[in-house]
Amino acid sequence: LLTTHPFVLPTTDNTVRTAFDAMASRLSVVPQVAAEVDDMAMMRLLAREDIGLALVAPIVVQDELSSGRLLEAEEHPRIRETFYAVTLRRRFPNPLVQEVLAGSASVLNG
């Protein structure tokens, strides 16, 4: 895929892009970059328009994957995107956010 298809990639300040570039370098491959995008909504649109293979988290194109409009290529274990949620203690906490935080804490500790 690296040698035969154009890619829609995040900009170079993105950790996923850094991992992708490192992999391409290790393989001595110079991928064809069709677009560099710093916005996930734009990445989704370009993937839908078949501009190239998009290096995007599956959650961003979940609807397209579910409908079959897009297909997911094989995952690479060293290319991962990590999402963080930062919260401040609130005077009137949102019970739904508390439930999510409690669930993620149990996943991390369990």
PDB file of N, CA and C in Angstrom:
ATOM      1  N   LEU A   1       0.817  -1.203   0.000  1.00  0.00           N
ATOM      2  CA  LEU A   1       0.000   0.000   0.000  1.00  0.00           C
ATOM      3  C   LEU A   1       0.857   1.261   0.000  1.00  0.00           C
ATOM      4  N   LEU A   2       1.975   1.205   0.707  1.00  0.00           N
ATOM      5  CA  LEU A   2       2.830   2.394   0.798  1.00  0.00           C
ATOM      6  C   LEU A   2       3.403   2.813  -0.555  1.00  0.00           C
ATOM      7  N   THR A   3       3.607   1.868  -1.414  1.00  0.00           N
ATOM      8  CA  THR A   3       4.257   2.194  -2.690  1.00  0.00           C
ATOM      9  C   THR A   3       3.269   2.368  -3.838  1.00  0.00           C
ATOM     10  N   THR A   4       2.029   1.957  -3.652  1.00  0.00           N
ATOM     11  CA  THR A   4       1.105   1.949  -4.786  1.00  0.00           C
ATOM     12  C   THR A   4      -0.078   2.904  -4.665  1.00  0.00           C
ATOM     13  N   HIS A   5      -0.291   3.515  -3.515  1.00  0.00           N
ATOM     14  CA  HIS A   5      -1.455   4.373  -3.317  1.00  0.00           C
ATOM     15  C   HIS A   5      -1.063   5.724  -2.742  1.00  0.00           C
ATOM     16  N   PRO A   6      -1.770   6.780  -3.116  1.00  0.00           N
ATOM     17  CA  PRO A   6      -1.555   8.078  -2.464  1.00  0.00           C
ATOM     18  C   PRO A   6      -2.178   8.059  -1.061  1.00  0.00           C
ATOM     19  N   PHE A   7      -1.673   8.911  -0.190  1.00  0.00           N
ATOM     20  CA  PHE A   7      -2.136   8.961   1.193  1.00  0.00           C
ATOM     21  C   PHE A   7      -2.630  10.341   1.563  1.00  0.00           C
ATOM     22  N   VAL A   8      -3.679  10.360   2.380  1.00  0.00           N
ATOM     23  CA  VAL A   8      -4.144  11.561   3.062  1.00  0.00           C
ATOM     24  C   VAL A   8      -3.655  11.411   4.490  1.00  0.00           C
ATOM     25  N   LEU A   9      -2.762  12.306   4.892  1.00  0.00           N
ATOM     26  CA  LEU A   9      -2.079  12.157   6.174  1.00  0.00           C
ATOM     27  C   LEU A   9      -2.329  13.345   7.090  1.00  0.00           C
ATOM     28  N   PRO A  10      -2.238  13.113   8.403  1.00  0.00           N
ATOM     29  CA  PRO A  10      -2.239  14.241   9.329  1.00  0.00           C
ATOM     30  C   PRO A  10      -0.971  15.067   9.120  1.00  0.00           C
ATOM     31  N   THR A  11      -0.962  16.275   9.617  1.00  0.00           N
ATOM     32  CA  THR A  11       0.228  17.117   9.500  1.00  0.00           C
ATOM     33  C   THR A  11       1.364  16.542  10.337  1.00  0.00           C
ATOM     34  N   THR A  12       2.564  17.034  10.096  1.00  0.00           N
ATOM     35  CA  THR A  12       3.761  16.454  10.713  1.00  0.00           C
ATOM     36  C   THR A  12       3.845  16.678  12.223  1.00  0.00           C
ATOM     37  N   ASP A  13       3.007  17.520  12.798  1.00  0.00           N
ATOM     38  CA  ASP A  13       3.030  17.705  14.253  1.00  0.00           C
ATOM     39  C   ASP A  13       2.147  16.700  14.985  1.00  0.00           C
ATOM     40  N   ASN A  14       1.596  15.738  14.267  1.00  0.00           N
ATOM     41  CA  ASN A  14       0.720  14.717  14.820  1.00  0.00           C
ATOM     42  C   ASN A  14       1.539  13.456  15.127  1.00  0.00           C
ATOM     43  N   THR A  15       1.303  12.840  16.282  1.00  0.00           N
ATOM     44  CA  THR A  15       2.092  11.662  16.671  1.00  0.00           C
ATOM     45  C   THR A  15       1.845  10.470  15.746  1.00  0.00           C
ATOM     46  N   VAL A  16       0.639  10.346  15.220  1.00  0.00           N
ATOM     47  CA  VAL A  16       0.353   9.261  14.286  1.00  0.00           C
ATOM     48  C   VAL A  16       1.165   9.463  13.016  1.00  0.00           C
ATOM     49  N   ARG A  17       1.269  10.694  12.573  1.00  0.00           N
ATOM     50  CA  ARG A  17       2.064  10.989  11.373  1.00  0.00           C
ATOM     51  C   ARG A  17       3.536  10.689  11.627  1.00  0.00           C
ATOM     52  N   THR A  18       4.019  11.026  12.800  1.00  0.00           N
ATOM     53  CA  THR A  18       5.411  10.741  13.141  1.00  0.00           C
ATOM     54  C   THR A  18       5.679   9.237  13.084  1.00  0.00           C
ATOM     55  N   ALA A  19       4.759   8.444  13.626  1.00  0.00           N
ATOM     56  CA  ALA A  19       4.910   6.986  13.597  1.00  0.00           C
ATOM     57  C   ALA A  19       4.838   6.469  12.158  1.00  0.00           C
ATOM     58  N   PHE A  20       3.952   7.029  11.344  1.00  0.00           N
ATOM     59  CA  PHE A  20       3.829   6.631   9.947  1.00  0.00           C
ATOM     60  C   PHE A  20       5.119   6.948   9.192  1.00  0.00           C
ATOM     61  N   ASP A  21       5.636   8.160   9.370  1.00  0.00           N
ATOM     62  CA  ASP A  21       6.877   8.550   8.699  1.00  0.00           C
ATOM     63  C   ASP A  21       8.042   7.661   9.119  1.00  0.00           C
ATOM     64  N   ALA A  22       8.096   7.313  10.403  1.00  0.00           N
ATOM     65  CA  ALA A  22       9.165   6.438  10.892  1.00  0.00           C
ATOM     66  C   ALA A  22       9.063   5.056  10.249  1.00  0.00           C
ATOM     67  N   MET A  23       7.841   4.538  10.125  1.00  0.00           N
ATOM     68  CA  MET A  23       7.656   3.234   9.499  1.00  0.00           C
ATOM     69  C   MET A  23       8.087   3.283   8.035  1.00  0.00           C
ATOM     70  N   ALA A  24       7.672   4.323   7.322  1.00  0.00           N
ATOM     71  CA  ALA A  24       8.056   4.450   5.916  1.00  0.00           C
ATOM     72  C   ALA A  24       9.571   4.547   5.779  1.00  0.00           C
ATOM     73  N   SER A  25      10.204   5.270   6.682  1.00  0.00           N
ATOM     74  CA  SER A  25      11.657   5.400   6.653  1.00  0.00           C
ATOM     75  C   SER A  25      12.341   4.057   6.902  1.00  0.00           C
ATOM     76  N   ARG A  26      11.849   3.303   7.889  1.00  0.00           N
ATOM     77  CA  ARG A  26      12.420   1.977   8.175  1.00  0.00           C
ATOM     78  C   ARG A  26      12.323   1.059   6.972  1.00  0.00           C
ATOM     79  N   LEU A  27      11.234   1.217   6.202  1.00  0.00           N
ATOM     80  CA  LEU A  27      11.020   0.370   5.029  1.00  0.00           C
ATOM     81  C   LEU A  27      11.660   0.952   3.764  1.00  0.00           C
ATOM     82  N   SER A  28      12.318   2.100   3.904  1.00  0.00           N
ATOM     83  CA  SER A  28      12.940   2.809   2.776  1.00  0.00           C
ATOM     84  C   SER A  28      11.928   3.105   1.665  1.00  0.00           C
ATOM     85  N   VAL A  29      10.748   3.553   2.082  1.00  0.00           N
ATOM     86  CA  VAL A  29       9.669   3.882   1.153  1.00  0.00           C
ATOM     87  C   VAL A  29       9.338   5.361   1.287  1.00  0.00           C
ATOM     88  N   VAL A  30       9.127   6.021   0.163  1.00  0.00           N
ATOM     89  CA  VAL A  30       8.669   7.414   0.171  1.00  0.00           C
ATOM     90  C   VAL A  30       7.228   7.403  -0.316  1.00  0.00           C
ATOM     91  N   PRO A  31       6.262   7.513   0.618  1.00  0.00           N
ATOM     92  CA  PRO A  31       4.862   7.437   0.206  1.00  0.00           C
ATOM     93  C   PRO A  31       4.447   8.680  -0.584  1.00  0.00           C
ATOM     94  N   GLN A  32       3.484   8.494  -1.468  1.00  0.00           N
ATOM     95  CA  GLN A  32       2.930   9.613  -2.227  1.00  0.00           C
ATOM     96  C   GLN A  32       1.885  10.290  -1.348  1.00  0.00           C
ATOM     97  N   VAL A  33       2.119  11.553  -0.991  1.00  0.00           N
ATOM     98  CA  VAL A  33       1.222  12.289  -0.120  1.00  0.00           C
ATOM     99  C   VAL A  33       0.264  13.099  -0.984  1.00  0.00           C
ATOM    100  N   ALA A  34      -1.005  12.732  -0.948  1.00  0.00           N
ATOM    101  CA  ALA A  34      -2.029  13.451  -1.709  1.00  0.00           C
ATOM    102  C   ALA A  34      -2.470  14.705  -0.964  1.00  0.00           C
ATOM    103  N   ALA A  35      -2.477  14.643   0.361  1.00  0.00           N
ATOM    104  CA  ALA A  35      -2.900  15.793   1.173  1.00  0.00           C
ATOM    105  C   ALA A  35      -2.393  15.629   2.589  1.00  0.00           C
ATOM    106  N   GLU A  36      -2.129  16.772   3.227  1.00  0.00           N
ATOM    107  CA  GLU A  36      -1.815  16.815   4.654  1.00  0.00           C
ATOM    108  C   GLU A  36      -2.912  17.638   5.306  1.00  0.00           C
ATOM    109  N   VAL A  37      -3.539  17.059   6.325  1.00  0.00           N
ATOM    110  CA  VAL A  37      -4.731  17.672   6.905  1.00  0.00           C
ATOM    111  C   VAL A  37      -4.589  17.745   8.421  1.00  0.00           C
ATOM    112  N   ASP A  38      -4.980  18.878   9.009  1.00  0.00           N
ATOM    113  CA  ASP A  38      -4.909  18.994  10.462  1.00  0.00           C
ATOM    114  C   ASP A  38      -6.297  18.968  11.105  1.00  0.00           C
ATOM    115  N   ASP A  39      -7.306  18.582  10.351  1.00  0.00           N
ATOM    116  CA  ASP A  39      -8.675  18.569  10.846  1.00  0.00           C
ATOM    117  C   ASP A  39      -9.307  17.216  10.511  1.00  0.00           C
ATOM    118  N   MET A  40      -9.812  16.522  11.530  1.00  0.00           N
ATOM    119  CA  MET A  40     -10.343  15.179  11.313  1.00  0.00           C
ATOM    120  C   MET A  40     -11.605  15.189  10.444  1.00  0.00           C
ATOM    121  N   ALA A  41     -12.413  16.235  10.526  1.00  0.00           N
ATOM    122  CA  ALA A  41     -13.601  16.319   9.673  1.00  0.00           C
ATOM    123  C   ALA A  41     -13.189  16.421   8.204  1.00  0.00           C
ATOM    124  N   MET A  42     -12.148  17.193   7.932  1.00  0.00           N
ATOM    125  CA  MET A  42     -11.651  17.301   6.560  1.00  0.00           C
ATOM    126  C   MET A  42     -11.027  15.985   6.113  1.00  0.00           C
ATOM    127  N   MET A  43     -10.328  15.317   7.006  1.00  0.00           N
ATOM    128  CA  MET A  43      -9.751  14.008   6.689  1.00  0.00           C
ATOM    129  C   MET A  43     -10.866  13.034   6.297  1.00  0.00           C
ATOM    130  N   ARG A  44     -11.951  13.069   7.034  1.00  0.00           N
ATOM    131  CA  ARG A  44     -13.096  12.205   6.744  1.00  0.00           C
ATOM    132  C   ARG A  44     -13.658  12.496   5.354  1.00  0.00           C
ATOM    133  N   LEU A  45     -13.817  13.765   5.032  1.00  0.00           N
ATOM    134  CA  LEU A  45     -14.346  14.138   3.715  1.00  0.00           C
ATOM    135  C   LEU A  45     -13.428  13.683   2.588  1.00  0.00           C
ATOM    136  N   LEU A  46     -12.134  13.862   2.757  1.00  0.00           N
ATOM    137  CA  LEU A  46     -11.186  13.450   1.724  1.00  0.00           C
ATOM    138  C   LEU A  46     -11.172  11.924   1.564  1.00  0.00           C
ATOM    139  N   ALA A  47     -11.297  11.214   2.666  1.00  0.00           N
ATOM    140  CA  ALA A  47     -11.360   9.749   2.580  1.00  0.00           C
ATOM    141  C   ALA A  47     -12.614   9.323   1.819  1.00  0.00           C
ATOM    142  N   ARG A  48     -13.716   9.986   2.104  1.00  0.00           N
ATOM    143  CA  ARG A  48     -14.978   9.654   1.413  1.00  0.00           C
ATOM    144  C   ARG A  48     -14.911   9.947  -0.075  1.00  0.00           C
ATOM    145  N   GLU A  49     -14.114  10.950  -0.448  1.00  0.00           N
ATOM    146  CA  GLU A  49     -13.991  11.328  -1.863  1.00  0.00           C
ATOM    147  C   GLU A  49     -12.931  10.506  -2.586  1.00  0.00           C
ATOM    148  N   ASP A  50     -12.334   9.557  -1.890  1.00  0.00           N
ATOM    149  CA  ASP A  50     -11.355   8.643  -2.483  1.00  0.00           C
ATOM    150  C   ASP A  50     -10.132   9.375  -3.034  1.00  0.00           C
ATOM    151  N   ILE A  51      -9.672  10.379  -2.286  1.00  0.00           N
ATOM    152  CA  ILE A  51      -8.464  11.120  -2.658  1.00  0.00           C
ATOM    153  C   ILE A  51      -7.234  10.243  -2.466  1.00  0.00           C
ATOM    154  N   GLY A  52      -7.282   9.403  -1.463  1.00  0.00           N
ATOM    155  CA  GLY A  52      -6.176   8.503  -1.160  1.00  0.00           C
ATOM    156  C   GLY A  52      -6.505   7.725   0.095  1.00  0.00           C
ATOM    157  N   LEU A  53      -5.601   6.867   0.493  1.00  0.00           N
ATOM    158  CA  LEU A  53      -5.766   6.139   1.745  1.00  0.00           C
ATOM    159  C   LEU A  53      -5.566   7.118   2.897  1.00  0.00           C
ATOM    160  N   ALA A  54      -6.498   7.142   3.822  1.00  0.00           N
ATOM    161  CA  ALA A  54      -6.444   8.110   4.919  1.00  0.00           C
ATOM    162  C   ALA A  54      -5.910   7.452   6.179  1.00  0.00           C
ATOM    163  N   LEU A  55      -4.931   8.075   6.777  1.00  0.00           N
ATOM    164  CA  LEU A  55      -4.391   7.622   8.052  1.00  0.00           C
ATOM    165  C   LEU A  55      -5.203   8.324   9.136  1.00  0.00           C
ATOM    166  N   VAL A  56      -6.285   7.662   9.530  1.00  0.00           N
ATOM    167  CA  VAL A  56      -7.246   8.272  10.445  1.00  0.00           C
ATOM    168  C   VAL A  56      -7.748   7.215  11.421  1.00  0.00           C
ATOM    169  N   ALA A  57      -8.063   7.645  12.633  1.00  0.00           N
ATOM    170  CA  ALA A  57      -8.612   6.724  13.624  1.00  0.00           C
ATOM    171  C   ALA A  57      -9.971   6.213  13.149  1.00  0.00           C
ATOM    172  N   PRO A  58     -10.243   4.929  13.313  1.00  0.00           N
ATOM    173  CA  PRO A  58     -11.520   4.368  12.850  1.00  0.00           C
ATOM    174  C   PRO A  58     -12.749   5.092  13.406  1.00  0.00           C
ATOM    175  N   ILE A  59     -12.643   5.630  14.606  1.00  0.00           N
ATOM    176  CA  ILE A  59     -13.783   6.325  15.203  1.00  0.00           C
ATOM    177  C   ILE A  59     -14.209   7.529  14.362  1.00  0.00           C
ATOM    178  N   VAL A  60     -13.269   8.138  13.661  1.00  0.00           N
ATOM    179  CA  VAL A  60     -13.565   9.320  12.844  1.00  0.00           C
ATOM    180  C   VAL A  60     -14.448   8.953  11.651  1.00  0.00           C
ATOM    181  N   VAL A  61     -14.277   7.756  11.121  1.00  0.00           N
ATOM    182  CA  VAL A  61     -15.034   7.318   9.942  1.00  0.00           C
ATOM    183  C   VAL A  61     -15.917   6.110  10.275  1.00  0.00           C
ATOM    184  N   GLN A  62     -16.369   6.035  11.500  1.00  0.00           N
ATOM    185  CA  GLN A  62     -17.146   4.892  11.971  1.00  0.00           C
ATOM    186  C   GLN A  62     -18.387   4.648  11.126  1.00  0.00           C
ATOM    187  N   ASP A  63     -19.130   5.695  10.794  1.00  0.00           N
ATOM    188  CA  ASP A  63     -20.345   5.523   9.989  1.00  0.00           C
ATOM    189  C   ASP A  63     -20.021   4.958   8.609  1.00  0.00           C
ATOM    190  N   GLU A  64     -18.952   5.459   7.993  1.00  0.00           N
ATOM    191  CA  GLU A  64     -18.568   4.990   6.665  1.00  0.00           C
ATOM    192  C   GLU A  64     -18.078   3.544   6.695  1.00  0.00           C
ATOM    193  N   LEU A  65     -17.390   3.177   7.758  1.00  0.00           N
ATOM    194  CA  LEU A  65     -16.945   1.789   7.898  1.00  0.00           C
ATOM    195  C   LEU A  65     -18.140   0.852   8.105  1.00  0.00           C
ATOM    196  N   SER A  66     -19.080   1.291   8.936  1.00  0.00           N
ATOM    197  CA  SER A  66     -20.269   0.470   9.205  1.00  0.00           C
ATOM    198  C   SER A  66     -21.114   0.261   7.954  1.00  0.00           C
ATOM    199  N   SER A  67     -21.215   1.304   7.136  1.00  0.00           N
ATOM    200  CA  SER A  67     -22.051   1.217   5.932  1.00  0.00           C
ATOM    201  C   SER A  67     -21.341   0.517   4.778  1.00  0.00           C
ATOM    202  N   GLY A  68     -20.030   0.337   4.887  1.00  0.00           N
ATOM    203  CA  GLY A  68     -19.269  -0.279   3.801  1.00  0.00           C
ATOM    204  C   GLY A  68     -18.770   0.729   2.780  1.00  0.00           C
ATOM    205  N   ARG A  69     -19.031   2.005   3.016  1.00  0.00           N
ATOM    206  CA  ARG A  69     -18.551   3.037   2.090  1.00  0.00           C
ATOM    207  C   ARG A  69     -17.026   3.119   2.102  1.00  0.00           C
ATOM    208  N   LEU A  70     -16.446   2.896   3.272  1.00  0.00           N
ATOM    209  CA  LEU A  70     -14.993   2.841   3.409  1.00  0.00           C
ATOM    210  C   LEU A  70     -14.604   1.482   3.982  1.00  0.00           C
ATOM    211  N   LEU A  71     -13.392   1.061   3.665  1.00  0.00           N
ATOM    212  CA  LEU A  71     -12.850  -0.175   4.202  1.00  0.00           C
ATOM    213  C   LEU A  71     -11.616   0.150   5.027  1.00  0.00           C
ATOM    214  N   GLU A  72     -11.423  -0.613   6.081  1.00  0.00           N
ATOM    215  CA  GLU A  72     -10.256  -0.402   6.933  1.00  0.00           C
ATOM    216  C   GLU A  72      -9.125  -1.306   6.473  1.00  0.00           C
ATOM    217  N   ALA A  73      -7.973  -0.709   6.235  1.00  0.00           N
ATOM    218  CA  ALA A  73      -6.781  -1.489   5.904  1.00  0.00           C
ATOM    219  C   ALA A  73      -6.260  -2.115   7.196  1.00  0.00           C
ATOM    220  N   GLU A  74      -5.311  -2.970   7.063  1.00  0.00           N
ATOM    221  CA  GLU A  74      -4.737  -3.641   8.221  1.00  0.00           C
ATOM    222  C   GLU A  74      -4.119  -2.622   9.174  1.00  0.00           C
ATOM    223  N   GLU A  75      -4.375  -2.826  10.459  1.00  0.00           N
ATOM    224  CA  GLU A  75      -3.791  -1.948  11.473  1.00  0.00           C
ATOM    225  C   GLU A  75      -2.318  -2.266  11.655  1.00  0.00           C
ATOM    226  N   HIS A  76      -1.562  -1.254  12.032  1.00  0.00           N
ATOM    227  CA  HIS A  76      -0.154  -1.455  12.349  1.00  0.00           C
ATOM    228  C   HIS A  76       0.012  -1.253  13.853  1.00  0.00           C
ATOM    229  N   PRO A  77       0.623  -2.199  14.561  1.00  0.00           N
ATOM    230  CA  PRO A  77       0.685  -2.110  16.023  1.00  0.00           C
ATOM    231  C   PRO A  77       1.454  -0.902  16.557  1.00  0.00           C
ATOM    232  N   ARG A  78       2.332  -0.325  15.754  1.00  0.00           N
ATOM    233  CA  ARG A  78       3.114   0.827  16.239  1.00  0.00           C
ATOM    234  C   ARG A  78       2.481   2.169  15.885  1.00  0.00           C
ATOM    235  N   ILE A  79       1.398   2.142  15.133  1.00  0.00           N
ATOM    236  CA  ILE A  79       0.732   3.398  14.772  1.00  0.00           C
ATOM    237  C   ILE A  79      -0.602   3.427  15.490  1.00  0.00           C
ATOM    238  N   ARG A  80      -0.659   4.211  16.537  1.00  0.00           N
ATOM    239  CA  ARG A  80      -1.853   4.330  17.369  1.00  0.00           C
ATOM    240  C   ARG A  80      -2.069   5.797  17.705  1.00  0.00           C
ATOM    241  N   GLU A  81      -3.340   6.133  17.852  1.00  0.00           N
ATOM    242  CA  GLU A  81      -3.667   7.483  18.295  1.00  0.00           C
ATOM    243  C   GLU A  81      -4.255   7.372  19.688  1.00  0.00           C
ATOM    244  N   THR A  82      -3.806   8.228  20.584  1.00  0.00           N
ATOM    245  CA  THR A  82      -4.297   8.227  21.949  1.00  0.00           C
ATOM    246  C   THR A  82      -5.139   9.475  22.157  1.00  0.00           C
ATOM    247  N   PHE A  83      -6.313   9.289  22.721  1.00  0.00           N
ATOM    248  CA  PHE A  83      -7.199  10.400  23.024  1.00  0.00           C
ATOM    249  C   PHE A  83      -7.249  10.587  24.534  1.00  0.00           C
ATOM    250  N   TYR A  84      -7.218  11.830  24.972  1.00  0.00           N
ATOM    251  CA  TYR A  84      -7.277  12.142  26.389  1.00  0.00           C
ATOM    252  C   TYR A  84      -8.457  13.072  26.659  1.00  0.00           C
ATOM    253  N   ALA A  85      -9.066  12.891  27.804  1.00  0.00           N
ATOM    254  CA  ALA A  85     -10.103  13.803  28.263  1.00  0.00           C
ATOM    255  C   ALA A  85      -9.592  14.434  29.549  1.00  0.00           C
ATOM    256  N   VAL A  86      -9.573  15.735  29.593  1.00  0.00           N
ATOM    257  CA  VAL A  86      -9.114  16.452  30.768  1.00  0.00           C
ATOM    258  C   VAL A  86     -10.333  17.129  31.387  1.00  0.00           C
ATOM    259  N   THR A  87     -10.527  16.882  32.663  1.00  0.00           N
ATOM    260  CA  THR A  87     -11.680  17.475  33.337  1.00  0.00           C
ATOM    261  C   THR A  87     -11.222  18.206  34.589  1.00  0.00           C
ATOM    262  N   LEU A  88     -11.975  19.176  34.960  1.00  0.00           N
ATOM    263  CA  LEU A  88     -11.751  19.896  36.207  1.00  0.00           C
ATOM    264  C   LEU A  88     -12.872  19.528  37.167  1.00  0.00           C
ATOM    265  N   ARG A  89     -12.575  19.553  38.448  1.00  0.00           N
ATOM    266  CA  ARG A  89     -13.600  19.269  39.435  1.00  0.00           C
ATOM    267  C   ARG A  89     -14.648  20.383  39.342  1.00  0.00           C
ATOM    268  N   ARG A  90     -15.907  19.985  39.232  1.00  0.00           N
ATOM    269  CA  ARG A  90     -16.986  20.949  39.052  1.00  0.00           C
ATOM    270  C   ARG A  90     -17.851  21.016  40.310  1.00  0.00           C
ATOM    271  N   ARG A  91     -18.441  22.165  40.489  1.00  0.00           N
ATOM    272  CA  ARG A  91     -19.344  22.335  41.635  1.00  0.00           C
ATOM    273  C   ARG A  91     -20.584  21.453  41.472  1.00  0.00           C
ATOM    274  N   PHE A  92     -21.089  21.369  40.240  1.00  0.00           N
ATOM    275  CA  PHE A  92     -22.239  20.524  39.931  1.00  0.00           C
ATOM    276  C   PHE A  92     -21.814  19.526  38.871  1.00  0.00           C
ATOM    277  N   PRO A  93     -21.212  18.405  39.281  1.00  0.00           N
ATOM    278  CA  PRO A  93     -20.678  17.442  38.306  1.00  0.00           C
ATOM    279  C   PRO A  93     -21.771  16.822  37.442  1.00  0.00           C
ATOM    280  N   ASN A  94     -21.425  16.568  36.200  1.00  0.00           N
ATOM    281  CA  ASN A  94     -22.320  15.910  35.264  1.00  0.00           C
ATOM    282  C   ASN A  94     -22.284  14.411  35.563  1.00  0.00           C
ATOM    283  N   PRO A  95     -23.434  13.799  35.876  1.00  0.00           N
ATOM    284  CA  PRO A  95     -23.430  12.377  36.244  1.00  0.00           C
ATOM    285  C   PRO A  95     -22.980  11.459  35.103  1.00  0.00           C
ATOM    286  N   LEU A  96     -23.237  11.839  33.852  1.00  0.00           N
ATOM    287  CA  LEU A  96     -22.800  11.007  32.734  1.00  0.00           C
ATOM    288  C   LEU A  96     -21.280  11.017  32.602  1.00  0.00           C
ATOM    289  N   VAL A  97     -20.675  12.177  32.801  1.00  0.00           N
ATOM    290  CA  VAL A  97     -19.215  12.265  32.744  1.00  0.00           C
ATOM    291  C   VAL A  97     -18.616  11.467  33.893  1.00  0.00           C
ATOM    292  N   GLN A  98     -19.228  11.532  35.061  1.00  0.00           N
ATOM    293  CA  GLN A  98     -18.735  10.752  36.203  1.00  0.00           C
ATOM    294  C   GLN A  98     -18.771   9.264  35.917  1.00  0.00           C
ATOM    295  N   GLU A  99     -19.832   8.817  35.238  1.00  0.00           N
ATOM    296  CA  GLU A  99     -19.953   7.401  34.878  1.00  0.00           C
ATOM    297  C   GLU A  99     -18.852   6.977  33.907  1.00  0.00           C
ATOM    298  N   VAL A 100     -18.567   7.815  32.911  1.00  0.00           N
ATOM    299  CA  VAL A 100     -17.502   7.512  31.946  1.00  0.00           C
ATOM    300  C   VAL A 100     -16.153   7.475  32.648  1.00  0.00           C
ATOM    301  N   LEU A 101     -15.891   8.454  33.501  1.00  0.00           N
ATOM    302  CA  LEU A 101     -14.614   8.496  34.220  1.00  0.00           C
ATOM    303  C   LEU A 101     -14.458   7.276  35.137  1.00  0.00           C
ATOM    304  N   ALA A 102     -15.520   6.876  35.805  1.00  0.00           N
ATOM    305  CA  ALA A 102     -15.453   5.700  36.676  1.00  0.00           C
ATOM    306  C   ALA A 102     -15.181   4.442  35.848  1.00  0.00           C
ATOM    307  N   GLY A 103     -15.806   4.343  34.677  1.00  0.00           N
ATOM    308  CA  GLY A 103     -15.579   3.188  33.806  1.00  0.00           C
ATOM    309  C   GLY A 103     -14.167   3.132  33.285  1.00  0.00           C
ATOM    310  N   SER A 104     -13.620   4.297  32.898  1.00  0.00           N
ATOM    311  CA  SER A 104     -12.247   4.286  32.376  1.00  0.00           C
ATOM    312  C   SER A 104     -11.245   4.019  33.484  1.00  0.00           C
ATOM    313  N   ALA A 105     -11.535   4.456  34.698  1.00  0.00           N
ATOM    314  CA  ALA A 105     -10.639   4.175  35.828  1.00  0.00           C
ATOM    315  C   ALA A 105     -10.599   2.677  36.110  1.00  0.00           C
ATOM    316  N   SER A 106     -11.761   2.023  36.009  1.00  0.00           N
ATOM    317  CA  SER A 106     -11.768   0.583  36.262  1.00  0.00           C
ATOM    318  C   SER A 106     -11.039  -0.188  35.173  1.00  0.00           C
ATOM    319  N   VAL A 107     -11.085   0.326  33.939  1.00  0.00           N
ATOM    320  CA  VAL A 107     -10.337  -0.316  32.848  1.00  0.00           C
ATOM    321  C   VAL A 107      -8.846  -0.166  33.083  1.00  0.00           C
ATOM    322  N   LEU A 108      -8.415   1.031  33.491  1.00  0.00           N
ATOM    323  CA  LEU A 108      -6.985   1.264  33.726  1.00  0.00           C
ATOM    324  C   LEU A 108      -6.467   0.484  34.922  1.00  0.00           C
ATOM    325  N   ASN A 109      -7.304   0.320  35.943  1.00  0.00           N
ATOM    326  CA  ASN A 109      -6.861  -0.381  37.153  1.00  0.00           C
ATOM    327  C   ASN A 109      -7.111  -1.879  37.117  1.00  0.00           C
ATOM    328  N   GLY A 110      -7.907  -2.333  36.155  1.00  0.00           N
ATOM    329  CA  GLY A 110      -8.290  -3.733  36.182  1.00  0.00           C
ATOM    330  C   GLY A 110      -7.641  -4.553  35.178  1.00  0.00           C
TER     331      GLY A 110
END
